[in-house]
Amino acid sequence: MNDTLFSLTDEQAAERDAFVERILQSTAGAFDTFTLFIGQKLGFYRLLAKHGAMTSLELAALSGMQERYVREWLEQQTVAGILAVENHEAPPTQRCFRLPMPHAEVLVDVDSPNYVLPLTQMIAGVVRPLPQLLNAFRNGGGVPYSEYGRDFREGQGAINRVTFLQELGQDWLPAIPDLHERLQANPPARVADIGCGAGWSTIGMAQAYPNIHVDGYDLDEPSIEMARDNAREARLNGRVSFFARDAGDIGNAGVYDLVTAFECIHDLSDPVGVLRTMRQLAGNNGTVLVADERVGDSFTPSGNDVEWMMYGWSVLHCLPVGMADNPSAATGTVMRIGTLRQYAREAGFRDVEVLPIDNFFFRVYRLGQ
C-alpha cells in the first residue's frame, strides 16, 4: 500500500522526483545568495581579488572578522563552487583559498556588465518585511518601500548602475535622432528624471551630454541622499539636482525638454497621474520616455525569458509597494505593453512607440504628445 496521500503513476512519480530536485536546487541557490551577500557586505571578495590566495587566518586579520566564521564561510564557498582551495589536505587554518578570475569579474568589478552581486543585496532586502507581506496577503493593503531597508535600496541602485552609466547616454538616447540633437544643442536642455532612485540614470545622462541640466525626483529620502552622494563623487553637482518630492508637486509645466521614468512606472499606485504630470512637464515640445521591464505582450504559462524573475520581484516587492497607497492601480512588475498604452491614453498621450533599443531586461517607450 502506498504510504503517501497520493497514488502516482510511474510518469507522475518521475515528475515528482524532478520537482523535489528542483526545490533542492532552489535551496542551494538560496544558500548561495545569502553567503554571497555575506561576502559582499564584509568585503571578502575584494580582499581575495586584491591579495590573492589566503588562509582563514589571513582573511580574518585583513577584514577584522572572527577567524572561525571566516573559515566556515571559505569552506562553504569552496564546496559551492564559488571559491577554489589550493591545498585542501592541509590543516584547517593553513588551507589557502582563492577567488577564480572569471568569478572575480562577476563579484568585484563594479564597472562590468557582468557584475551581478548586487542582486544578493536585493534578495536580502526583499525578504526583510515578510511578516508585513503575509499580512497584506491576508488583509489587503501593501508594504511601503521604506520597509525593504538599505540593502534593497543599495542593491537596486547598483544593479542598474552600469546600464545607466554605459548604455543610457551612449546607446539609448543617441538612437533617438531628434532628442539626441536637442540634448547637444543650445540653449542647454533641461531634463526631469522621475523616480531617479540612487541617481545613476540622472548621472548617466549628465555625463553623456555635458550641456544639459538634470533634475532627479524621488519620494524616498534615503535614495535622494544616496543620489546626492553619487553626484558629488561624479563631480556633477553643478549640473544635476535631486529632490525628495512627489512628481505631482513639481510644477514647472512645459519647462523640460526631456522627461524620463526608468523602471518605476509599474511600482506606482497612481501611474496615470504620474504620466499626466510627465506630459505637463514636457509641454508641447518636450519628449517623454519610459523604460520598463521587457515582459511578454500577454500571459503564457511559461512566460518569456525574464518573467521568472519579474514575477518574483512582483510578488515580493513591486506589487506590495504599489499597493501601499490607496487607491492603487496594483500594476506589479509584469507591466505589459497594452497596460502601459492604456495608462498613457488615460494620461492624455496620443500614442506609445516601442523604440528599437536592444536590451535584455528593458523595453524603452516614447510617449507621443
Protein backbone atom coordinates (compact mmCIF):
# COMPACT_ATOMS: atom_id res chain seq x y z
CA MET A 1 0.00 0.00 0.00
CA ASN A 2 1.30 3.46 -0.88
CA ASP A 3 2.32 5.27 2.30
CA THR A 4 1.65 8.74 0.86
CA LEU A 5 -1.61 10.58 0.32
CA PHE A 6 -1.19 10.30 -3.44
CA SER A 7 -1.14 7.29 -5.71
CA LEU A 8 1.10 8.19 -8.66
CA THR A 9 1.80 6.58 -11.97
CA ASP A 10 5.42 5.97 -12.90
CA GLU A 11 5.32 9.07 -15.12
CA GLN A 12 3.89 11.18 -12.29
CA ALA A 13 6.46 9.80 -9.86
CA ALA A 14 9.24 10.87 -12.23
CA GLU A 15 7.71 14.33 -12.40
CA ARG A 16 7.53 14.41 -8.58
CA ASP A 17 11.19 13.42 -8.29
CA ALA A 18 12.20 16.13 -10.73
CA PHE A 19 10.22 18.65 -8.70
CA VAL A 20 11.92 17.54 -5.49
CA GLU A 21 15.28 18.02 -7.22
CA ARG A 22 14.22 21.49 -8.34
CA ILE A 23 13.36 22.51 -4.77
CA LEU A 24 16.69 21.16 -3.52
CA GLN A 25 18.48 23.18 -6.20
CA SER A 26 16.47 26.25 -5.24
CA THR A 27 17.52 25.74 -1.63
CA ALA A 28 21.14 25.53 -2.75
CA GLY A 29 20.60 28.77 -4.66
CA ALA A 30 19.19 30.43 -1.56
CA PHE A 31 22.25 29.41 0.45
CA ASP A 32 24.47 30.73 -2.36
CA THR A 33 22.58 34.03 -2.38
CA PHE A 34 22.90 34.74 1.32
CA THR A 35 26.50 33.58 1.64
CA LEU A 36 27.37 35.72 -1.40
CA PHE A 37 25.65 38.56 0.44
CA ILE A 38 27.93 37.97 3.43
CA GLY A 39 30.99 38.01 1.18
CA GLN A 40 29.93 41.28 -0.35
CA LYS A 41 28.93 43.05 2.85
CA LEU A 42 32.11 42.05 4.69
CA GLY A 43 34.44 42.78 1.77
CA PHE A 44 35.78 39.25 1.47
CA TYR A 45 35.67 39.09 -2.33
CA ARG A 46 37.50 42.38 -2.76
CA LEU A 47 40.22 41.28 -0.37
CA LEU A 48 40.63 37.95 -2.16
CA ALA A 49 40.74 39.70 -5.55
CA LYS A 50 43.34 42.18 -4.30
CA HIS A 51 45.61 39.91 -2.26
CA GLY A 52 45.22 36.54 -3.95
CA ALA A 53 45.02 33.19 -2.16
CA MET A 54 44.68 33.46 1.61
CA THR A 55 44.15 31.31 4.65
CA SER A 56 41.25 31.90 7.00
CA LEU A 57 43.69 33.46 9.46
CA GLU A 58 44.94 35.93 6.85
CA LEU A 59 41.48 36.87 5.58
CA ALA A 60 40.19 37.28 9.13
CA ALA A 61 43.11 39.55 10.00
CA LEU A 62 42.69 41.71 6.88
CA SER A 63 38.92 42.01 7.25
CA GLY A 64 38.81 42.34 11.03
CA MET A 65 36.37 39.41 11.30
CA GLN A 66 36.35 36.32 13.51
CA GLU A 67 38.52 33.53 12.11
CA ARG A 68 36.18 30.64 12.88
CA TYR A 69 33.31 32.26 10.99
CA VAL A 70 35.64 33.22 8.14
CA ARG A 71 36.92 29.64 7.88
CA GLU A 72 33.42 28.19 7.71
CA TRP A 73 32.46 30.71 5.03
CA LEU A 74 35.58 29.93 2.96
CA GLU A 75 34.90 26.20 3.10
CA GLN A 76 31.21 26.67 2.22
CA GLN A 77 32.12 28.90 -0.73
CA THR A 78 34.54 26.26 -1.97
CA VAL A 79 32.03 23.41 -1.72
CA ALA A 80 29.50 25.66 -3.52
CA GLY A 81 31.98 26.17 -6.38
CA ILE A 82 32.43 29.91 -5.83
CA LEU A 83 35.98 29.82 -4.43
CA ALA A 84 38.82 27.36 -5.02
CA VAL A 85 41.22 25.81 -2.50
CA GLU A 86 44.86 25.16 -3.32
CA ASN A 87 45.80 22.68 -0.58
CA HIS A 88 42.66 21.05 0.75
CA GLU A 89 44.59 18.38 2.70
CA ALA A 90 46.39 20.95 4.85
CA PRO A 91 45.27 21.66 8.43
CA PRO A 92 42.13 23.85 8.51
CA THR A 93 43.82 27.19 9.24
CA GLN A 94 46.59 26.55 6.69
CA ARG A 95 44.38 25.93 3.65
CA CYS A 96 44.70 28.65 1.00
CA PHE A 97 41.54 29.82 -0.73
CA ARG A 98 41.39 31.93 -3.88
CA LEU A 99 38.81 33.71 -6.00
CA PRO A 100 38.96 32.44 -9.62
CA MET A 101 39.46 35.30 -12.07
CA PRO A 102 36.26 34.64 -14.08
CA HIS A 103 34.31 34.80 -10.82
CA ALA A 104 36.12 37.97 -9.75
CA GLU A 105 34.65 39.98 -12.61
CA VAL A 106 31.14 38.95 -11.57
CA LEU A 107 31.72 39.61 -7.86
CA VAL A 108 34.13 42.55 -7.78
CA ASP A 109 34.24 44.61 -10.99
CA VAL A 110 31.52 47.22 -10.44
CA ASP A 111 32.00 48.61 -13.97
CA SER A 112 31.42 45.28 -15.71
CA PRO A 113 28.01 44.49 -17.23
CA ASN A 114 28.51 41.04 -15.68
CA TYR A 115 28.66 42.44 -12.14
CA VAL A 116 25.53 40.88 -10.65
CA LEU A 117 26.50 40.68 -6.98
CA PRO A 118 24.03 43.49 -6.07
CA LEU A 119 21.23 41.00 -6.72
CA THR A 120 22.17 39.37 -3.41
CA GLN A 121 21.58 42.68 -1.61
CA MET A 122 18.21 42.99 -3.27
CA ILE A 123 17.25 39.46 -2.23
CA ALA A 124 18.39 40.12 1.35
CA GLY A 125 16.27 43.26 1.37
CA VAL A 126 13.24 41.82 -0.37
CA VAL A 127 12.68 39.22 2.36
CA ARG A 128 13.10 41.75 5.18
CA PRO A 129 9.39 42.61 5.52
CA LEU A 130 7.96 39.10 5.01
CA PRO A 131 5.64 39.38 8.06
CA GLN A 132 4.14 42.59 6.65
CA LEU A 133 3.79 40.96 3.22
CA LEU A 134 1.93 37.98 4.68
CA ASN A 135 -0.36 40.40 6.49
CA ALA A 136 -1.05 42.18 3.19
CA PHE A 137 -1.93 38.85 1.55
CA ARG A 138 -4.39 38.14 4.36
CA ASN A 139 -5.88 41.59 4.90
CA GLY A 140 -5.11 43.71 1.86
CA GLY A 141 -3.04 46.86 1.61
CA GLY A 142 0.66 46.80 0.81
CA VAL A 143 4.18 47.21 2.14
CA PRO A 144 5.85 50.65 1.95
CA TYR A 145 9.15 50.88 0.09
CA SER A 146 10.90 52.06 3.27
CA GLU A 147 10.25 48.67 4.90
CA TYR A 148 12.66 46.95 2.49
CA GLY A 149 15.58 48.82 4.00
CA ARG A 150 19.03 49.91 2.98
CA ASP A 151 20.19 46.67 1.36
CA PHE A 152 17.36 46.60 -1.15
CA ARG A 153 17.82 50.29 -1.89
CA GLU A 154 21.57 49.95 -2.44
CA GLY A 155 21.23 46.74 -4.44
CA GLN A 156 18.60 48.20 -6.73
CA GLY A 157 20.78 51.20 -7.47
CA ALA A 158 23.91 49.14 -8.02
CA ILE A 159 22.34 46.53 -10.31
CA ASN A 160 21.26 49.24 -12.78
CA ARG A 161 24.39 51.38 -12.45
CA VAL A 162 26.32 50.01 -15.43
CA THR A 163 23.29 50.16 -17.73
CA PHE A 164 22.60 53.77 -16.85
CA LEU A 165 26.23 54.89 -16.99
CA GLN A 166 27.30 52.92 -20.06
CA GLU A 167 24.19 52.38 -22.20
CA LEU A 168 21.65 55.11 -21.48
CA GLY A 169 23.68 58.04 -22.80
CA GLN A 170 25.85 56.11 -25.25
CA ASP A 171 23.23 53.88 -26.92
CA TRP A 172 19.64 54.55 -25.89
CA LEU A 173 19.35 58.32 -26.28
CA PRO A 174 21.56 58.61 -29.40
CA ALA A 175 19.16 56.11 -31.04
CA ILE A 176 16.51 58.88 -30.99
CA PRO A 177 17.96 61.40 -33.51
CA ASP A 178 15.81 64.47 -32.75
CA LEU A 179 16.25 64.04 -29.00
CA HIS A 180 19.99 63.38 -29.34
CA GLU A 181 20.33 66.61 -31.33
CA ARG A 182 18.38 68.64 -28.78
CA LEU A 183 20.45 67.34 -25.87
CA GLN A 184 23.61 68.57 -27.58
CA ALA A 185 22.21 71.96 -28.63
CA ASN A 186 21.84 75.41 -27.10
CA PRO A 187 20.19 76.73 -25.09
CA PRO A 188 21.10 73.87 -22.71
CA ALA A 189 18.35 71.27 -22.43
CA ARG A 190 16.61 70.57 -19.14
CA VAL A 191 15.76 67.01 -18.14
CA ALA A 192 13.47 65.69 -15.39
CA ASP A 193 14.23 62.15 -14.19
CA ILE A 194 11.19 60.81 -12.32
CA GLY A 195 11.76 58.02 -9.78
CA CYS A 196 15.53 58.51 -10.01
CA GLY A 197 16.40 56.32 -7.00
CA ALA A 198 20.15 56.32 -6.38
CA GLY A 199 20.59 58.76 -9.25
CA TRP A 200 22.56 56.68 -11.74
CA SER A 201 20.18 57.42 -14.61
CA THR A 202 20.37 61.14 -13.80
CA ILE A 203 24.16 60.98 -13.62
CA GLY A 204 24.44 58.88 -16.77
CA MET A 205 22.52 61.42 -18.84
CA ALA A 206 24.51 64.33 -17.45
CA GLN A 207 27.82 62.61 -18.18
CA ALA A 208 26.81 61.73 -21.73
CA TYR A 209 25.55 65.24 -22.54
CA PRO A 210 27.80 67.86 -20.90
CA ASN A 211 25.49 70.72 -21.87
CA ILE A 212 22.33 69.60 -20.05
CA HIS A 213 20.97 70.05 -16.55
CA VAL A 214 19.10 67.12 -14.99
CA ASP A 215 16.68 67.24 -12.06
CA GLY A 216 16.14 63.89 -10.31
CA TYR A 217 12.94 63.33 -8.34
CA ASP A 218 12.10 60.52 -5.92
CA LEU A 219 9.82 60.16 -2.90
CA ASP A 220 12.37 58.12 -0.94
CA GLU A 221 14.57 60.49 1.06
CA PRO A 222 17.39 57.96 1.69
CA SER A 223 17.57 57.27 -2.06
CA ILE A 224 17.89 61.00 -2.74
CA GLU A 225 20.71 61.23 -0.21
CA MET A 226 22.47 58.36 -1.99
CA ALA A 227 21.94 60.14 -5.32
CA ARG A 228 23.47 63.35 -3.99
CA ASP A 229 26.50 61.43 -2.70
CA ASN A 230 26.89 59.70 -6.06
CA ALA A 231 26.68 63.03 -7.89
CA ARG A 232 29.33 64.56 -5.64
CA GLU A 233 31.66 61.65 -6.37
CA ALA A 234 30.98 62.11 -10.10
CA ARG A 235 31.67 65.86 -9.74
CA LEU A 236 28.37 66.80 -11.35
CA ASN A 237 26.92 68.92 -8.57
CA GLY A 238 26.55 71.96 -10.78
CA ARG A 239 24.55 70.15 -13.47
CA VAL A 240 22.36 67.74 -11.53
CA SER A 241 19.93 68.40 -8.70
CA PHE A 242 17.95 65.93 -6.62
CA PHE A 243 14.64 66.44 -4.87
CA ALA A 244 12.68 64.26 -2.46
CA ARG A 245 9.36 65.30 -3.89
CA ASP A 246 6.20 63.83 -5.38
CA ALA A 247 6.17 64.15 -9.16
CA GLY A 248 2.71 65.69 -8.94
CA ASP A 249 4.09 68.58 -6.89
CA ILE A 250 6.92 69.55 -9.21
CA GLY A 251 5.17 72.32 -11.15
CA ASN A 252 7.31 73.85 -13.91
CA ALA A 253 4.88 72.85 -16.65
CA GLY A 254 6.47 72.77 -20.08
CA VAL A 255 10.00 73.68 -19.00
CA TYR A 256 11.65 70.29 -19.60
CA ASP A 257 12.97 69.14 -22.96
CA LEU A 258 13.05 65.52 -21.78
CA VAL A 259 11.11 63.78 -19.00
CA THR A 260 12.08 60.20 -18.12
CA ALA A 261 10.84 57.40 -15.87
CA PHE A 262 13.18 54.42 -15.76
CA GLU A 263 11.89 51.18 -14.20
CA CYS A 264 9.43 52.83 -11.86
CA ILE A 265 6.01 53.24 -13.52
CA HIS A 266 5.00 49.69 -12.56
CA ASP A 267 5.74 50.46 -8.88
CA LEU A 268 3.42 53.45 -8.67
CA SER A 269 0.00 53.41 -7.05
CA ASP A 270 -1.12 56.14 -9.49
CA PRO A 271 0.78 55.58 -12.75
CA VAL A 272 -1.75 57.56 -14.78
CA GLY A 273 -1.36 60.59 -12.52
CA VAL A 274 2.44 60.47 -12.79
CA LEU A 275 2.31 60.06 -16.59
CA ARG A 276 -0.08 63.00 -16.76
CA THR A 277 2.42 65.07 -14.76
CA MET A 278 5.23 63.97 -17.07
CA ARG A 279 3.21 65.11 -20.08
CA GLN A 280 2.66 68.50 -18.46
CA LEU A 281 6.34 68.87 -17.55
CA ALA A 282 7.35 68.19 -21.17
CA GLY A 283 4.73 70.52 -22.62
CA ASN A 284 4.08 70.51 -26.36
CA ASN A 285 7.71 70.32 -27.45
CA GLY A 286 9.37 68.03 -24.92
CA THR A 287 9.98 64.28 -25.12
CA VAL A 288 8.65 61.72 -22.63
CA LEU A 289 10.50 58.41 -22.30
CA VAL A 290 9.60 55.39 -20.17
CA ALA A 291 11.78 52.31 -19.69
CA ASP A 292 10.27 49.30 -18.00
CA GLU A 293 10.60 45.53 -17.91
CA ARG A 294 10.80 43.60 -21.20
CA VAL A 295 7.98 41.21 -20.38
CA GLY A 296 5.78 39.40 -22.90
CA ASP A 297 2.81 41.01 -24.62
CA SER A 298 0.44 38.61 -22.86
CA PHE A 299 0.42 35.99 -20.13
CA THR A 300 1.59 32.49 -21.08
CA PRO A 301 2.16 29.50 -18.78
CA SER A 302 5.93 29.53 -19.40
CA GLY A 303 6.39 33.31 -19.58
CA ASN A 304 9.20 34.85 -21.60
CA ASP A 305 12.89 34.68 -20.73
CA VAL A 306 12.74 37.35 -17.98
CA GLU A 307 9.30 36.81 -16.46
CA TRP A 308 10.51 34.18 -13.98
CA MET A 309 12.50 36.97 -12.35
CA MET A 310 9.94 39.73 -12.82
CA TYR A 311 7.12 37.76 -11.23
CA GLY A 312 9.41 37.02 -8.29
CA TRP A 313 10.11 40.71 -7.76
CA SER A 314 6.44 41.46 -8.26
CA VAL A 315 5.11 39.10 -5.60
CA LEU A 316 7.72 40.06 -3.02
CA HIS A 317 8.21 43.76 -3.71
CA CYS A 318 6.73 45.71 -6.61
CA LEU A 319 3.06 44.78 -6.21
CA PRO A 320 3.01 45.31 -2.41
CA VAL A 321 4.90 48.60 -2.77
CA GLY A 322 2.39 49.77 -5.38
CA MET A 323 -0.49 48.76 -3.11
CA ALA A 324 0.88 50.57 -0.05
CA ASP A 325 -1.24 53.59 -1.04
CA ASN A 326 -4.95 53.50 -1.64
CA PRO A 327 -6.45 53.68 -4.21
CA SER A 328 -3.90 51.78 -6.27
CA ALA A 329 -3.62 50.63 -9.87
CA ALA A 330 -1.95 47.46 -8.47
CA THR A 331 0.19 47.04 -11.58
CA GLY A 332 3.06 44.83 -10.44
CA THR A 333 6.39 44.30 -12.16
CA VAL A 334 4.91 42.47 -15.16
CA MET A 335 3.53 45.58 -16.88
CA ARG A 336 2.77 44.56 -20.42
CA ILE A 337 2.76 46.89 -23.43
CA GLY A 338 -1.03 47.01 -23.50
CA THR A 339 -1.17 48.12 -19.88
CA LEU A 340 1.25 50.98 -20.44
CA ARG A 341 -0.65 52.04 -23.58
CA GLN A 342 -3.85 52.18 -21.53
CA TYR A 343 -2.20 54.26 -18.80
CA ALA A 344 -0.70 56.60 -21.41
CA ARG A 345 -4.05 57.16 -23.16
CA GLU A 346 -5.73 57.92 -19.85
CA ALA A 347 -2.94 60.41 -19.11
CA GLY A 348 -3.61 62.23 -22.39
CA PHE A 349 -0.85 60.87 -24.62
CA ARG A 350 -1.66 60.30 -28.28
CA ASP A 351 0.36 57.12 -28.79
CA VAL A 352 3.15 54.92 -27.42
CA GLU A 353 6.11 53.98 -29.61
CA VAL A 354 8.29 51.00 -28.70
CA LEU A 355 11.81 52.17 -29.58
CA PRO A 356 14.25 49.84 -31.40
CA ILE A 357 16.63 49.67 -28.44
CA ASP A 358 18.10 46.25 -27.72
CA ASN A 359 18.30 45.38 -24.02
CA PHE A 360 17.71 42.03 -22.37
CA PHE A 361 15.80 43.40 -19.39
CA PHE A 362 14.34 46.74 -20.51
CA ARG A 363 11.91 47.95 -23.17
CA VAL A 364 12.03 51.68 -23.95
CA TYR A 365 8.92 53.65 -24.92
CA ARG A 366 8.43 57.11 -26.36
CA LEU A 367 5.07 58.60 -25.43
CA GLY A 368 3.58 60.88 -28.10
CA GLN A 369 2.07 64.18 -27.04
